């Protein structure tokens, strides 16, 4: 059990260093999500330039990125348990940002895959390192809102990326957008080195650490039923967020005839709604936490169920205004889990394995969720589009991957592509209901780990 002061610090407000720490980690995480999200934002331009299929786009954002991202999270997390986390975080941030800039030089699908593999590998350490640093500086009942602030990086990036990248891409092309976003991250990595490594200030008074194996830590974590179901819930959320989110810009451009700038603006509004949902979710989880702190997975369950219903309703709309209205509310519901989700993982874990717990957990939403969600949506979209394309016109794949000359063929391609993607996204939405059920089951046995001195 943890000492009582780790349950409640006795302070209502954060210290100046806590505030600065959260601000810096938030900036790092925003950079992480911008470098991750720029490809889905610009994929319609990339698809036309490199003559790709939706299945190719799904693989780029799915296993080719998420697989390396997830698999690197574990070694990065284990390394961070033994080295200076601040220097490690600054190094990997400079690495993934430089590789993002190099994506702008990709000449074909193969080279783009190679650069995105590198981005995914370097970014894999961001979550476990950031979360363990934050948890070492905040007691349990402050972590929900602190994690919500940190998790606000995802919706904040959804606001910033379209404003910056879509504008640059519209003026100078998609390659320039990758270069600018990447170089900004390289520069931002420098002030990260000003953070403190908490472990270095505790060595004199702390008990000697007993080295443990990765297998032992994994067995300890998955012996906890609440953690197991959090992992399952994360996998389902990853499938939903990957299967739907990666193709939202494409959906707006195809199904509702929006330009890249217009669709990017809508994505920015979705980010603002997600930011609201993140803050509400983190505050509610902390505020409603009782002795067992069940509110953390329960808030996630409510958000996932609401998101599923709202996305189903949105994709059933043929008119633009009702569709975007439902998508905006869905953005709030989807991101209610951002803070409580990660806070729940940290609250379960032993202090010595916080980075490892985050790294193992990220296998669910990334390796499994994003490994399945985006490619499944992409392949389903291609399959539906091929079936919906008039057989008398010829082959969808042969005629529609390049700009068709005849106007009637162009119209048939556009209609089949839009409807095929809409059907695929409707199916992807079902993953949110699986997440809601898993979060609820986790709450049944959820309790924070506590230890006495």
Protein backbone atom coordinates (compact mmCIF):
# COMPACT_ATOMS: atom_id res chain seq x y z
CA UNK A 1 0.00 0.00 0.00
CA UNK A 2 1.17 3.62 -0.61
CA UNK A 3 1.37 6.11 2.13
CA UNK A 4 -1.73 8.19 2.68
CA UNK A 5 0.00 11.29 1.32
CA UNK A 6 0.20 9.60 -2.06
CA UNK A 7 -3.56 9.25 -2.10
CA UNK A 8 -4.06 12.91 -1.19
CA UNK A 9 -1.13 15.31 -1.19
CA UNK A 10 -2.87 17.84 1.04
CA UNK A 11 -2.33 20.49 -1.66
CA UNK A 12 -5.20 21.78 -3.67
CA UNK A 13 -3.12 23.60 -6.25
CA UNK A 14 -0.08 22.58 -8.26
CA UNK A 15 3.40 23.87 -7.50
CA UNK A 16 5.14 26.08 -10.10
CA UNK A 17 7.36 23.15 -11.12
CA UNK A 18 4.35 20.83 -11.55
CA UNK A 19 2.74 23.44 -13.81
CA UNK A 20 5.91 23.86 -15.87
CA UNK A 21 6.40 20.11 -16.12
CA UNK A 22 2.88 19.56 -17.43
CA UNK A 23 3.27 22.43 -19.91
CA UNK A 24 6.51 21.01 -21.33
CA UNK A 25 5.21 17.43 -21.50
CA UNK A 26 2.06 18.76 -23.16
CA UNK A 27 4.16 20.47 -25.83
CA UNK A 28 6.11 17.25 -26.42
CA UNK A 29 2.90 15.24 -26.72
CA UNK A 30 1.34 17.78 -29.10
CA UNK A 31 4.40 17.39 -31.32
CA UNK A 32 3.99 13.60 -31.06
CA UNK A 33 0.37 13.71 -32.20
CA UNK A 34 1.04 16.27 -34.92
CA UNK A 35 3.74 14.07 -36.45
CA UNK A 36 1.42 11.10 -36.13
CA UNK A 37 -1.66 12.88 -37.52
CA UNK A 38 -0.20 14.78 -40.45
CA UNK A 39 -0.35 11.71 -42.71
CA UNK A 40 -4.12 11.09 -42.31
CA UNK A 41 -4.70 14.83 -42.79
CA UNK A 42 -2.83 14.96 -46.11
CA UNK A 43 -3.48 11.43 -47.33
CA UNK A 44 -5.88 12.46 -50.10
CA UNK A 45 -3.09 14.57 -51.65
CA UNK A 46 -0.54 11.80 -51.08
CA UNK A 47 -2.91 9.20 -52.52
CA UNK A 48 -3.30 11.15 -55.75
CA UNK A 49 0.41 11.99 -56.04
CA UNK A 50 1.71 8.46 -55.37
CA UNK A 51 -1.34 6.67 -56.87
CA UNK A 52 -2.25 4.70 -53.74
CA UNK A 53 -5.31 2.72 -52.65
CA UNK A 54 -7.31 3.19 -49.44
CA UNK A 55 -5.80 -0.11 -48.33
CA UNK A 56 -2.32 1.38 -48.72
CA UNK A 57 -3.36 4.38 -46.64
CA UNK A 58 -4.74 2.09 -43.94
CA UNK A 59 -1.49 0.13 -43.81
CA UNK A 60 0.56 3.33 -43.58
CA UNK A 61 -1.31 4.58 -40.51
CA UNK A 62 -1.95 1.06 -39.21
CA UNK A 63 0.60 -1.74 -38.92
CA UNK A 64 3.42 0.05 -40.75
CA UNK A 65 3.29 2.83 -38.17
CA UNK A 66 1.42 1.48 -35.15
CA UNK A 67 3.27 -1.83 -35.13
CA UNK A 68 6.67 -0.22 -34.69
CA UNK A 69 5.20 2.39 -32.34
CA UNK A 70 3.77 -0.27 -30.04
CA UNK A 71 6.69 -2.70 -30.15
CA UNK A 72 9.21 0.04 -29.38
CA UNK A 73 7.17 1.23 -26.40
CA UNK A 74 8.23 -1.75 -24.27
CA UNK A 75 12.02 -1.52 -24.75
CA UNK A 76 11.78 2.27 -24.47
CA UNK A 77 9.81 1.92 -21.23
CA UNK A 78 12.26 -0.62 -19.79
CA UNK A 79 15.20 1.58 -20.75
CA UNK A 80 13.57 4.59 -19.13
CA UNK A 81 13.28 2.70 -15.83
CA UNK A 82 17.10 2.68 -15.63
CA UNK A 83 18.37 5.82 -17.40
CA UNK A 84 17.72 9.55 -17.28
CA UNK A 85 14.21 9.88 -18.73
CA UNK A 86 14.55 13.57 -19.58
CA UNK A 87 17.56 13.06 -21.86
CA UNK A 88 15.97 9.98 -23.41
CA UNK A 89 12.74 11.88 -24.15
CA UNK A 90 14.60 14.78 -25.76
CA UNK A 91 16.63 12.38 -27.93
CA UNK A 92 13.71 10.39 -29.28
CA UNK A 93 11.71 13.56 -29.90
CA UNK A 94 14.49 14.95 -32.09
CA UNK A 95 14.60 11.58 -33.88
CA UNK A 96 10.91 11.24 -34.73
CA UNK A 97 10.70 14.89 -35.78
CA UNK A 98 13.66 14.57 -38.17
CA UNK A 99 12.11 11.45 -39.71
CA UNK A 100 8.79 13.27 -40.14
CA UNK A 101 10.62 15.94 -42.11
CA UNK A 102 12.18 13.22 -44.27
CA UNK A 103 8.68 11.92 -45.15
CA UNK A 104 8.44 15.00 -47.33
CA UNK A 105 11.16 13.55 -49.56
CA UNK A 106 9.38 10.21 -50.15
CA UNK A 107 9.34 9.28 -53.84
CA UNK A 108 7.03 6.26 -53.58
CA UNK A 109 5.08 4.06 -51.17
CA UNK A 110 8.18 2.09 -50.14
CA UNK A 111 10.21 5.10 -49.06
CA UNK A 112 7.23 6.62 -47.27
CA UNK A 113 6.75 3.34 -45.37
CA UNK A 114 10.43 3.34 -44.37
CA UNK A 115 10.29 6.85 -42.92
CA UNK A 116 6.98 6.19 -41.12
CA UNK A 117 8.44 3.03 -39.57
CA UNK A 118 11.20 5.19 -38.11
CA UNK A 119 8.73 7.78 -36.84
CA UNK A 120 6.68 5.05 -35.17
CA UNK A 121 9.73 3.46 -33.54
CA UNK A 122 10.97 6.75 -32.05
CA UNK A 123 7.51 7.92 -30.94
CA UNK A 124 6.91 4.69 -29.03
CA UNK A 125 8.79 6.03 -26.00
CA UNK A 126 6.80 9.25 -25.64
CA UNK A 127 3.81 7.94 -23.69
CA UNK A 128 5.58 5.68 -21.15
CA UNK A 129 8.30 8.25 -20.42
CA UNK A 130 5.92 11.23 -20.18
CA UNK A 131 3.39 9.38 -18.04
CA UNK A 132 5.97 8.04 -15.62
CA UNK A 133 7.56 11.49 -15.23
CA UNK A 134 4.18 13.04 -14.56
CA UNK A 135 3.12 10.32 -12.10
CA UNK A 136 6.34 10.74 -10.11
CA UNK A 137 5.38 14.39 -9.54
CA UNK A 138 1.64 14.06 -8.79
CA UNK A 139 -0.26 12.10 -6.08
CA UNK A 140 -3.07 9.74 -7.09
CA UNK A 141 -6.02 12.11 -6.70
CA UNK A 142 -4.31 14.81 -8.74
CA UNK A 143 -3.39 12.47 -11.59
CA UNK A 144 -6.75 12.35 -13.32
CA UNK A 145 -6.78 16.05 -14.19
CA UNK A 146 -3.01 16.17 -14.72
CA UNK A 147 -3.29 13.26 -17.16
CA UNK A 148 -6.25 15.02 -18.79
CA UNK A 149 -4.09 18.09 -19.41
CA UNK A 150 -1.34 15.91 -20.86
CA UNK A 151 -3.86 13.92 -22.92
CA UNK A 152 -5.27 17.19 -24.26
CA UNK A 153 -2.33 16.98 -26.64
CA UNK A 154 -4.33 14.78 -28.99
CA UNK A 155 -7.29 17.15 -29.51
CA UNK A 156 -4.95 20.16 -29.37
CA UNK A 157 -2.89 18.64 -32.17
CA UNK A 158 -6.13 18.08 -34.08
CA UNK A 159 -6.70 21.83 -33.88
CA UNK A 160 -3.16 22.94 -34.71
CA UNK A 161 -2.24 20.42 -37.42
CA UNK A 162 -5.01 21.35 -39.90
CA UNK A 163 -4.39 25.07 -39.39
CA UNK A 164 -0.68 24.72 -40.07
CA UNK A 165 -0.23 21.66 -42.28
CA UNK A 166 -3.32 22.09 -44.48
CA UNK A 167 -2.43 25.72 -45.15
CA UNK A 168 1.18 24.88 -46.03
CA UNK A 169 0.09 21.94 -48.18
CA UNK A 170 -2.44 24.07 -50.05
CA UNK A 171 0.19 26.71 -50.87
CA UNK A 172 3.43 24.72 -51.26
CA UNK A 173 2.32 21.07 -51.38
CA UNK A 174 2.13 18.16 -48.95
CA UNK A 175 5.90 17.61 -48.93
CA UNK A 176 6.59 21.09 -47.54
CA UNK A 177 4.07 20.47 -44.76
CA UNK A 178 5.98 17.41 -43.55
CA UNK A 179 9.28 19.29 -43.57
CA UNK A 180 7.98 22.28 -41.60
CA UNK A 181 6.16 20.18 -38.96
CA UNK A 182 9.19 17.94 -38.52
CA UNK A 183 11.72 20.74 -38.12
CA UNK A 184 9.53 22.46 -35.51
CA UNK A 185 9.76 19.29 -33.39
CA UNK A 186 13.54 19.11 -33.70
CA UNK A 187 13.81 22.65 -32.31
CA UNK A 188 11.33 21.95 -29.48
CA UNK A 189 13.39 18.98 -28.27
CA UNK A 190 16.08 21.34 -26.93
CA UNK A 191 14.15 22.94 -23.99
CA UNK A 192 12.98 19.49 -22.86
CA UNK A 193 16.46 19.06 -21.36
CA UNK A 194 15.59 21.70 -18.75
CA UNK A 195 13.27 19.25 -16.93
CA UNK A 196 14.43 17.39 -13.80
CA UNK A 197 14.72 13.63 -13.41
CA UNK A 198 12.90 12.97 -10.07
CA UNK A 199 14.75 9.70 -9.43
CA UNK A 200 18.09 11.49 -9.19
CA UNK A 201 16.76 13.56 -6.28
CA UNK A 202 15.45 10.55 -4.38
CA UNK A 203 18.43 8.22 -4.50
CA UNK A 204 19.80 9.16 -1.08
CA UNK A 205 16.56 8.45 0.79
CA UNK A 206 15.00 5.71 -1.32
CA UNK A 207 15.19 2.00 -0.66
CA UNK A 208 17.49 -0.01 -2.97
CA UNK A 209 15.65 -1.08 -6.10
CA UNK A 210 15.36 -4.79 -6.71
CA UNK A 211 15.80 -5.49 -10.44
CA UNK A 212 12.93 -7.43 -11.96
CA UNK A 213 12.46 -9.02 -15.34
CA UNK A 214 10.01 -7.81 -17.95
CA UNK A 215 8.20 -11.14 -17.69
CA UNK A 216 7.72 -10.74 -13.94
CA UNK A 217 6.32 -7.24 -14.36
CA UNK A 218 3.98 -8.34 -17.15
CA UNK A 219 2.70 -11.21 -15.02
CA UNK A 220 2.14 -8.83 -12.09
CA UNK A 221 0.17 -6.40 -14.26
CA UNK A 222 -2.03 -8.97 -15.99
CA UNK A 223 -2.72 -10.75 -12.71
CA UNK A 224 -4.74 -7.62 -11.94
CA UNK A 225 -8.18 -8.16 -13.49
CA UNK A 226 -8.87 -4.43 -13.79
CA UNK A 227 -5.64 -3.91 -15.75
CA UNK A 228 -6.47 -6.83 -18.08
CA UNK A 229 -9.81 -5.31 -18.99
CA UNK A 230 -8.29 -1.83 -19.36
CA UNK A 231 -5.95 -3.41 -21.91
CA UNK A 232 -8.89 -4.97 -23.79
CA UNK A 233 -10.78 -1.68 -23.68
CA UNK A 234 -7.74 0.15 -25.03
CA UNK A 235 -7.52 -2.28 -27.94
CA UNK A 236 -11.17 -1.68 -28.86
CA UNK A 237 -10.75 2.10 -28.52
CA UNK A 238 -7.71 1.92 -30.78
CA UNK A 239 -9.71 0.01 -33.40
CA UNK A 240 -12.47 2.63 -33.27
CA UNK A 241 -10.21 5.68 -33.21
CA UNK A 242 -7.92 4.24 -35.88
CA UNK A 243 -10.64 2.86 -38.12
CA UNK A 244 -12.71 6.06 -37.96
CA UNK A 245 -10.22 8.84 -37.21
CA UNK A 246 -7.66 8.01 -39.90
CA UNK A 247 -10.31 8.41 -42.61
CA UNK A 248 -12.38 11.32 -41.25
CA UNK A 249 -10.71 13.90 -43.50
CA UNK A 250 -11.20 11.60 -46.49
CA UNK A 251 -14.84 11.06 -45.48
CA UNK A 252 -15.54 14.80 -45.35
CA UNK A 253 -13.86 15.40 -48.70
CA UNK A 254 -15.53 12.49 -50.48
CA UNK A 255 -18.98 12.11 -48.90
CA UNK A 256 -19.64 15.81 -48.33
CA UNK A 257 -17.52 17.41 -51.06
CA UNK A 258 -15.34 19.51 -48.73
CA UNK A 259 -11.97 20.94 -49.75
CA UNK A 260 -8.85 20.06 -47.79
CA UNK A 261 -8.91 23.42 -46.00
CA UNK A 262 -12.63 23.07 -45.17
CA UNK A 263 -12.20 19.50 -43.96
CA UNK A 264 -9.13 20.55 -41.98
CA UNK A 265 -11.15 23.32 -40.36
CA UNK A 266 -13.78 20.80 -39.34
CA UNK A 267 -11.05 18.58 -37.93
CA UNK A 268 -9.89 21.58 -35.92
CA UNK A 269 -13.39 22.00 -34.50
CA UNK A 270 -13.41 18.30 -33.66
CA UNK A 271 -10.15 18.85 -31.83
CA UNK A 272 -11.70 21.69 -29.84
CA UNK A 273 -14.60 19.45 -28.88
CA UNK A 274 -12.15 16.72 -27.95
CA UNK A 275 -10.25 19.19 -25.79
CA UNK A 276 -13.47 19.96 -23.93
CA UNK A 277 -14.21 16.24 -23.52
CA UNK A 278 -10.69 15.60 -22.22
CA UNK A 279 -10.97 18.30 -19.54
CA UNK A 280 -14.46 17.22 -18.48
CA UNK A 281 -13.45 13.55 -18.31
CA UNK A 282 -10.35 14.20 -16.21
CA UNK A 283 -12.15 16.53 -13.82
CA UNK A 284 -15.13 14.21 -13.43
CA UNK A 285 -12.95 11.16 -12.74
CA UNK A 286 -11.00 12.98 -10.01
CA UNK A 287 -14.11 14.59 -8.55
CA UNK A 288 -16.12 11.36 -8.38
CA UNK A 289 -13.25 9.13 -7.19
CA UNK A 290 -14.18 7.24 -4.05
CA UNK A 291 -12.05 4.86 -1.99
CA UNK A 292 -11.76 2.47 -4.96
CA UNK A 293 -11.52 5.21 -7.61
CA UNK A 294 -13.91 3.33 -9.93
CA UNK A 295 -14.83 6.59 -11.63
CA UNK A 296 -11.71 6.38 -13.81
CA UNK A 297 -12.82 3.39 -15.94
CA UNK A 298 -16.53 4.28 -15.60
CA UNK A 299 -16.07 7.72 -17.20
CA UNK A 300 -14.24 5.96 -20.05
CA UNK A 301 -17.10 3.47 -20.45
CA UNK A 302 -19.71 6.22 -20.69
CA UNK A 303 -17.68 8.13 -23.27
CA UNK A 304 -17.06 5.07 -25.44
CA UNK A 305 -20.75 4.07 -25.50
CA UNK A 306 -21.85 7.61 -26.37
CA UNK A 307 -19.20 7.87 -29.09
CA UNK A 308 -20.42 4.67 -30.73
CA UNK A 309 -24.01 5.88 -30.88
CA UNK A 310 -23.08 9.34 -32.16
CA UNK A 311 -20.77 8.07 -34.90
CA UNK A 312 -23.42 5.60 -36.10
CA UNK A 313 -25.91 8.46 -36.35
CA UNK A 314 -23.38 10.75 -38.08
CA UNK A 315 -22.49 8.28 -40.83
CA UNK A 316 -26.19 7.69 -41.52
CA UNK A 317 -26.64 11.36 -42.49
CA UNK A 318 -26.60 12.48 -46.10
CA UNK A 319 -26.71 16.20 -45.30
CA UNK A 320 -23.55 18.02 -44.20
CA UNK A 321 -24.82 20.05 -41.22
CA UNK A 322 -26.45 17.17 -39.28
CA UNK A 323 -23.41 14.99 -39.96
CA UNK A 324 -20.86 17.53 -38.71
CA UNK A 325 -23.04 18.36 -35.70
CA UNK A 326 -23.09 14.72 -34.62
CA UNK A 327 -19.36 14.34 -35.31
CA UNK A 328 -18.60 17.33 -33.09
CA UNK A 329 -20.55 15.88 -30.17
CA UNK A 330 -18.91 12.51 -30.82
CA UNK A 331 -15.55 14.27 -30.48
CA UNK A 332 -16.47 15.23 -26.92
CA UNK A 333 -17.59 11.71 -26.05
CA UNK A 334 -14.57 9.98 -27.61
CA UNK A 335 -12.06 12.02 -25.62
CA UNK A 336 -13.74 11.76 -22.22
CA UNK A 337 -11.48 8.77 -21.62
CA UNK A 338 -8.17 10.50 -22.36
CA UNK A 339 -7.21 11.49 -18.82
CA UNK A 340 -9.00 8.83 -16.75
CA UNK A 341 -7.79 6.03 -19.02
CA UNK A 342 -4.09 6.74 -18.52
CA UNK A 343 -4.54 7.76 -14.89
CA UNK A 344 -6.17 4.38 -14.24
CA UNK A 345 -3.13 2.56 -15.63
CA UNK A 346 -0.75 4.63 -13.50
CA UNK A 347 -2.87 4.20 -10.38
CA UNK A 348 -2.80 0.42 -10.72
CA UNK A 349 0.95 0.11 -11.31
CA UNK A 350 3.72 -0.14 -8.73
CA UNK A 351 5.85 3.04 -8.64
CA UNK A 352 8.89 1.18 -9.99
CA UNK A 353 7.05 -0.04 -13.09
CA UNK A 354 4.98 2.97 -14.14
CA UNK A 355 6.73 3.41 -17.49
CA UNK A 356 6.52 -0.33 -18.12
CA UNK A 357 2.78 -0.37 -17.27
CA UNK A 358 2.17 2.44 -19.77
CA UNK A 359 4.33 0.76 -22.42
CA UNK A 360 2.58 -2.60 -22.06
CA UNK A 361 -0.82 -0.91 -22.06
CA UNK A 362 -0.02 0.93 -25.31
CA UNK A 363 0.21 -2.42 -27.09
CA UNK A 364 -3.60 -2.53 -26.87
CA UNK A 365 -4.59 0.71 -28.62
CA UNK A 366 -1.59 0.80 -30.97
CA UNK A 367 -0.35 -2.66 -31.96
CA UNK A 368 -3.80 -4.27 -31.78
CA UNK A 369 -6.15 -1.30 -32.22
CA UNK A 370 -4.33 0.74 -34.87
CA UNK A 371 -2.85 -2.44 -36.31
CA UNK A 372 -6.36 -3.65 -37.14
CA UNK A 373 -8.61 -0.55 -37.36
CA UNK A 374 -7.10 1.57 -40.19
CA UNK A 375 -6.21 -1.27 -42.59
CA UNK A 376 -9.59 -2.92 -41.99
CA UNK A 377 -11.41 0.31 -42.80
CA UNK A 378 -9.19 0.85 -45.84
CA UNK A 379 -9.67 -2.64 -47.25
CA UNK A 380 -13.42 -2.56 -46.56
CA UNK A 381 -13.65 0.82 -48.28
CA UNK A 382 -11.87 -0.52 -51.36
CA UNK A 383 -14.07 -3.63 -51.40
CA UNK A 384 -17.32 -1.72 -51.00
CA UNK A 385 -16.28 0.84 -53.63
CA UNK A 386 -15.43 -1.91 -56.13
CA UNK A 387 -18.80 -3.56 -55.57
CA UNK A 388 -20.67 -0.25 -55.85
CA UNK A 389 -18.88 0.82 -59.04
CA UNK A 390 -21.05 0.13 -62.13
CA UNK A 391 -19.79 -3.05 -63.78
CA UNK A 392 -20.61 -1.64 -67.22
CA UNK A 393 -18.03 1.13 -66.72
CA UNK A 394 -15.14 -1.25 -66.14
CA UNK A 395 -12.91 -1.93 -63.15
CA UNK A 396 -12.94 0.53 -60.23
CA UNK A 397 -9.30 -0.15 -59.44
CA UNK A 398 -8.15 0.38 -63.02
CA UNK A 399 -10.21 3.49 -63.74
CA UNK A 400 -10.36 5.34 -60.42
CA UNK A 401 -6.82 5.21 -59.07
CA UNK A 402 -5.83 7.79 -61.69
CA UNK A 403 -7.85 10.84 -62.61
CA UNK A 404 -10.50 9.68 -65.12
CA UNK A 405 -10.98 11.68 -68.27
CA UNK A 406 -14.68 11.14 -68.90
CA UNK A 407 -17.00 13.13 -66.64
CA UNK A 408 -19.46 10.26 -66.17
CA UNK A 409 -16.63 7.95 -65.06
CA UNK A 410 -15.37 10.59 -62.63
CA UNK A 411 -18.84 10.88 -61.10
CA UNK A 412 -19.17 7.09 -60.77
CA UNK A 413 -15.73 6.86 -59.14
CA UNK A 414 -16.55 9.63 -56.68
CA UNK A 415 -19.89 8.12 -55.69
CA UNK A 416 -18.53 4.61 -55.23
CA UNK A 417 -15.53 5.87 -53.26
CA UNK A 418 -17.66 8.05 -50.96
CA UNK A 419 -20.29 5.40 -50.26
CA UNK A 420 -17.72 2.65 -49.85
CA UNK A 421 -15.83 4.65 -47.23
CA UNK A 422 -19.04 5.56 -45.40
CA UNK A 423 -20.02 1.89 -45.10
CA UNK A 424 -16.52 0.99 -43.88
CA UNK A 425 -16.57 3.71 -41.20
CA UNK A 426 -20.00 2.58 -40.01
CA UNK A 427 -18.60 -0.89 -39.37
CA UNK A 428 -15.50 0.54 -37.62
CA UNK A 429 -17.77 2.41 -35.21
CA UNK A 430 -18.89 -0.86 -33.60
CA UNK A 431 -15.52 -1.15 -31.83
CA UNK A 432 -16.55 1.63 -29.42
CA UNK A 433 -19.26 -0.58 -27.93
CA UNK A 434 -16.69 -3.30 -27.24
CA UNK A 435 -14.57 -0.69 -25.46
CA UNK A 436 -17.50 0.48 -23.33
CA UNK A 437 -18.20 -3.07 -22.14
CA UNK A 438 -14.53 -3.72 -21.32
CA UNK A 439 -14.15 -0.45 -19.39
CA UNK A 440 -17.24 -1.29 -17.34
CA UNK A 441 -15.93 -4.77 -16.49
CA UNK A 442 -12.62 -3.19 -15.42
CA UNK A 443 -14.46 -0.88 -13.03
CA UNK A 444 -15.97 -3.84 -11.18
CA UNK A 445 -12.63 -4.78 -9.58
CA UNK A 446 -10.74 -1.50 -9.98
CA UNK A 447 -8.73 -0.14 -7.03
CA UNK A 448 -5.50 1.90 -6.95
CA UNK A 449 -2.33 0.20 -5.77
CA UNK A 450 -1.23 1.52 -2.38
CA UNK A 451 1.76 0.69 -0.22
CA UNK A 452 2.91 1.80 3.22
CA UNK A 453 6.40 3.07 3.87
